[in-house]
Amino acid sequence: MSDLRVEAIGFPGYYCAVYRRDGIPDRLLDGADGRPEQFPSAWAAVQAGKAALVQRRDADAPFVGADPLGVETWLADRDAAIAAERHKVFGPDQPRDRGGRTFVVERRRRR
């Protein structure tokens, strides 16, 4: 899990939400005008900081990629591996799938 923390810093008359992570400078939650947002209580500041963090993660999600976990790649590789195994076992005459039922096509030599 991430070591990112959301805390409140108290000033005379208001509080600000701050993001803290070990090894990097602290970062205040900025408002729409670019100045730090001010809150009447520490609880409100922490809750607003957590909500903004969740919204930012949701906004960043489309930029991760279409397949962030690699599921589509894994499925394609799996299908290719299954097709290669079928070709190896059955040769060019592979089982045919029709309407949800699998028919195995066999060729026998006549004597």
C-alpha atoms as a PDB file:
ATOM      1  CA  MET A   1       0.000   0.000   0.000  1.00  0.00           C
ATOM      2  CA  SER A   2       1.082   3.559  -0.611  1.00  0.00           C
ATOM      3  CA  ASP A   3       2.678   5.604   2.149  1.00  0.00           C
ATOM      4  CA  LEU A   4       0.656   8.685   1.096  1.00  0.00           C
ATOM      5  CA  ARG A   5      -1.127  10.342   4.013  1.00  0.00           C
ATOM      6  CA  VAL A   6      -3.734  13.103   4.106  1.00  0.00           C
ATOM      7  CA  GLU A   7      -3.390  15.332   7.159  1.00  0.00           C
ATOM      8  CA  ALA A   8      -4.566  18.752   8.295  1.00  0.00           C
ATOM      9  CA  ILE A   9      -2.335  21.697   9.137  1.00  0.00           C
ATOM     10  CA  GLY A  10      -3.778  24.258  11.517  1.00  0.00           C
ATOM     11  CA  PHE A  11      -3.441  27.992  11.017  1.00  0.00           C
ATOM     12  CA  PRO A  12      -5.086  30.712  13.098  1.00  0.00           C
ATOM     13  CA  GLY A  13      -8.752  30.530  12.120  1.00  0.00           C
ATOM     14  CA  TYR A  14      -8.624  27.770   9.481  1.00  0.00           C
ATOM     15  CA  TYR A  15      -7.122  24.422   8.443  1.00  0.00           C
ATOM     16  CA  CYS A  16      -5.558  23.201   5.181  1.00  0.00           C
ATOM     17  CA  ALA A  17      -5.330  19.667   3.819  1.00  0.00           C
ATOM     18  CA  VAL A  18      -1.820  18.442   3.075  1.00  0.00           C
ATOM     19  CA  TYR A  19      -0.582  15.338   1.266  1.00  0.00           C
ATOM     20  CA  ARG A  20       2.449  13.799   2.926  1.00  0.00           C
ATOM     21  CA  ARG A  21       4.728  11.089   1.591  1.00  0.00           C
ATOM     22  CA  ASP A  22       8.110  10.052   2.954  1.00  0.00           C
ATOM     23  CA  GLY A  23      11.043  11.364   0.949  1.00  0.00           C
ATOM     24  CA  ILE A  24       9.181  14.072  -1.000  1.00  0.00           C
ATOM     25  CA  PRO A  25       8.024  17.583   0.009  1.00  0.00           C
ATOM     26  CA  ASP A  26       4.519  18.020   1.401  1.00  0.00           C
ATOM     27  CA  ARG A  27       1.839  19.280  -0.973  1.00  0.00           C
ATOM     28  CA  LEU A  28      -1.187  21.373   0.008  1.00  0.00           C
ATOM     29  CA  LEU A  29      -4.632  20.824  -1.507  1.00  0.00           C
ATOM     30  CA  ASP A  30      -5.129  23.731  -3.886  1.00  0.00           C
ATOM     31  CA  GLY A  31      -8.424  25.295  -4.843  1.00  0.00           C
ATOM     32  CA  ALA A  32      -9.619  26.346  -8.287  1.00  0.00           C
ATOM     33  CA  ASP A  33      -7.736  29.646  -7.992  1.00  0.00           C
ATOM     34  CA  GLY A  34      -4.418  27.896  -7.229  1.00  0.00           C
ATOM     35  CA  ARG A  35      -4.336  28.955  -3.587  1.00  0.00           C
ATOM     36  CA  PRO A  36      -4.601  26.452  -0.711  1.00  0.00           C
ATOM     37  CA  GLU A  37      -8.185  25.688   0.259  1.00  0.00           C
ATOM     38  CA  GLN A  38      -9.227  26.754   3.741  1.00  0.00           C
ATOM     39  CA  PHE A  39     -11.520  24.646   5.958  1.00  0.00           C
ATOM     40  CA  PRO A  40     -13.211  25.429   9.277  1.00  0.00           C
ATOM     41  CA  SER A  41     -12.125  22.146  10.938  1.00  0.00           C
ATOM     42  CA  ALA A  42      -9.338  19.586  10.655  1.00  0.00           C
ATOM     43  CA  TRP A  43     -11.911  16.851   9.944  1.00  0.00           C
ATOM     44  CA  ALA A  44     -13.333  18.779   6.979  1.00  0.00           C
ATOM     45  CA  ALA A  45      -9.829  19.366   5.611  1.00  0.00           C
ATOM     46  CA  VAL A  46      -8.881  15.665   5.797  1.00  0.00           C
ATOM     47  CA  GLN A  47     -12.176  14.532   4.245  1.00  0.00           C
ATOM     48  CA  ALA A  48     -11.844  17.043   1.387  1.00  0.00           C
ATOM     49  CA  GLY A  49      -8.247  15.915   0.814  1.00  0.00           C
ATOM     50  CA  LYS A  50      -9.303  12.263   0.620  1.00  0.00           C
ATOM     51  CA  ALA A  51     -12.195  13.081  -1.734  1.00  0.00           C
ATOM     52  CA  ALA A  52      -9.907  15.098  -4.033  1.00  0.00           C
ATOM     53  CA  LEU A  53      -7.401  12.237  -4.051  1.00  0.00           C
ATOM     54  CA  VAL A  54     -10.091   9.746  -5.129  1.00  0.00           C
ATOM     55  CA  GLN A  55     -11.371  12.113  -7.843  1.00  0.00           C
ATOM     56  CA  ARG A  56      -7.840  12.622  -9.137  1.00  0.00           C
ATOM     57  CA  ARG A  57      -7.241   8.868  -9.326  1.00  0.00           C
ATOM     58  CA  ASP A  58     -10.517   8.435 -11.235  1.00  0.00           C
ATOM     59  CA  ALA A  59      -9.525  11.208 -13.645  1.00  0.00           C
ATOM     60  CA  ASP A  60      -6.097   9.595 -14.189  1.00  0.00           C
ATOM     61  CA  ALA A  61      -7.574   6.138 -14.854  1.00  0.00           C
ATOM     62  CA  PRO A  62      -8.166   6.556 -18.633  1.00  0.00           C
ATOM     63  CA  PHE A  63      -4.509   7.482 -19.120  1.00  0.00           C
ATOM     64  CA  VAL A  64      -3.301   4.179 -17.668  1.00  0.00           C
ATOM     65  CA  GLY A  65      -4.136   2.373 -20.888  1.00  0.00           C
ATOM     66  CA  ALA A  66      -6.908   0.317 -22.339  1.00  0.00           C
ATOM     67  CA  ASP A  67      -5.645  -2.878 -20.687  1.00  0.00           C
ATOM     68  CA  PRO A  68      -3.958  -1.910 -17.398  1.00  0.00           C
ATOM     69  CA  LEU A  69      -3.909  -5.434 -15.944  1.00  0.00           C
ATOM     70  CA  GLY A  70      -2.915  -7.161 -19.171  1.00  0.00           C
ATOM     71  CA  VAL A  71      -6.047  -9.313 -19.303  1.00  0.00           C
ATOM     72  CA  GLU A  72      -6.671  -8.881 -23.024  1.00  0.00           C
ATOM     73  CA  THR A  73      -3.049  -9.724 -23.814  1.00  0.00           C
ATOM     74  CA  TRP A  74      -3.211 -12.771 -21.564  1.00  0.00           C
ATOM     75  CA  LEU A  75      -6.428 -13.975 -23.217  1.00  0.00           C
ATOM     76  CA  ALA A  76      -4.943 -13.562 -26.691  1.00  0.00           C
ATOM     77  CA  ASP A  77      -1.798 -15.463 -25.668  1.00  0.00           C
ATOM     78  CA  ARG A  78      -3.906 -18.192 -24.065  1.00  0.00           C
ATOM     79  CA  ASP A  79      -6.026 -18.606 -27.192  1.00  0.00           C
ATOM     80  CA  ALA A  80      -2.893 -18.808 -29.339  1.00  0.00           C
ATOM     81  CA  ALA A  81      -1.406 -21.439 -27.003  1.00  0.00           C
ATOM     82  CA  ILE A  82      -4.608 -23.502 -27.119  1.00  0.00           C
ATOM     83  CA  ALA A  83      -4.693 -23.309 -30.921  1.00  0.00           C
ATOM     84  CA  ALA A  84      -1.036 -24.390 -31.131  1.00  0.00           C
ATOM     85  CA  GLU A  85      -1.673 -27.323 -28.788  1.00  0.00           C
ATOM     86  CA  ARG A  86      -4.723 -28.405 -30.804  1.00  0.00           C
ATOM     87  CA  HIS A  87      -2.712 -28.258 -33.995  1.00  0.00           C
ATOM     88  CA  LYS A  88       0.048 -30.313 -32.392  1.00  0.00           C
ATOM     89  CA  VAL A  89      -2.349 -32.965 -31.045  1.00  0.00           C
ATOM     90  CA  PHE A  90      -4.953 -33.175 -33.803  1.00  0.00           C
ATOM     91  CA  GLY A  91      -2.889 -32.039 -36.753  1.00  0.00           C
ATOM     92  CA  PRO A  92      -4.630 -30.079 -39.473  1.00  0.00           C
ATOM     93  CA  ASP A  93      -7.988 -31.782 -38.664  1.00  0.00           C
ATOM     94  CA  GLN A  94      -9.009 -29.923 -35.533  1.00  0.00           C
ATOM     95  CA  PRO A  95     -12.233 -30.262 -33.537  1.00  0.00           C
ATOM     96  CA  ARG A  96     -14.970 -28.125 -35.022  1.00  0.00           C
ATOM     97  CA  ASP A  97     -17.201 -26.049 -32.798  1.00  0.00           C
ATOM     98  CA  ARG A  98     -20.814 -25.725 -33.956  1.00  0.00           C
ATOM     99  CA  GLY A  99     -23.591 -24.203 -31.936  1.00  0.00           C
ATOM    100  CA  GLY A 100     -21.908 -24.755 -28.603  1.00  0.00           C
ATOM    101  CA  ARG A 101     -21.253 -28.445 -29.263  1.00  0.00           C
ATOM    102  CA  THR A 102     -17.841 -29.786 -30.165  1.00  0.00           C
ATOM    103  CA  PHE A 103     -17.556 -32.405 -32.890  1.00  0.00           C
ATOM    104  CA  VAL A 104     -14.285 -34.239 -33.223  1.00  0.00           C
ATOM    105  CA  VAL A 105     -13.567 -35.024 -36.865  1.00  0.00           C
ATOM    106  CA  GLU A 106     -11.665 -38.279 -37.297  1.00  0.00           C
ATOM    107  CA  ARG A 107     -10.205 -39.739 -40.423  1.00  0.00           C
ATOM    108  CA  ARG A 108      -9.627 -43.456 -40.483  1.00  0.00           C
ATOM    109  CA  ARG A 109      -7.719 -45.409 -43.016  1.00  0.00           C
ATOM    110  CA  ARG A 110      -9.614 -47.972 -44.972  1.00  0.00           C
ATOM    111  CA  ARG A 111      -7.949 -51.350 -45.290  1.00  0.00           C
END
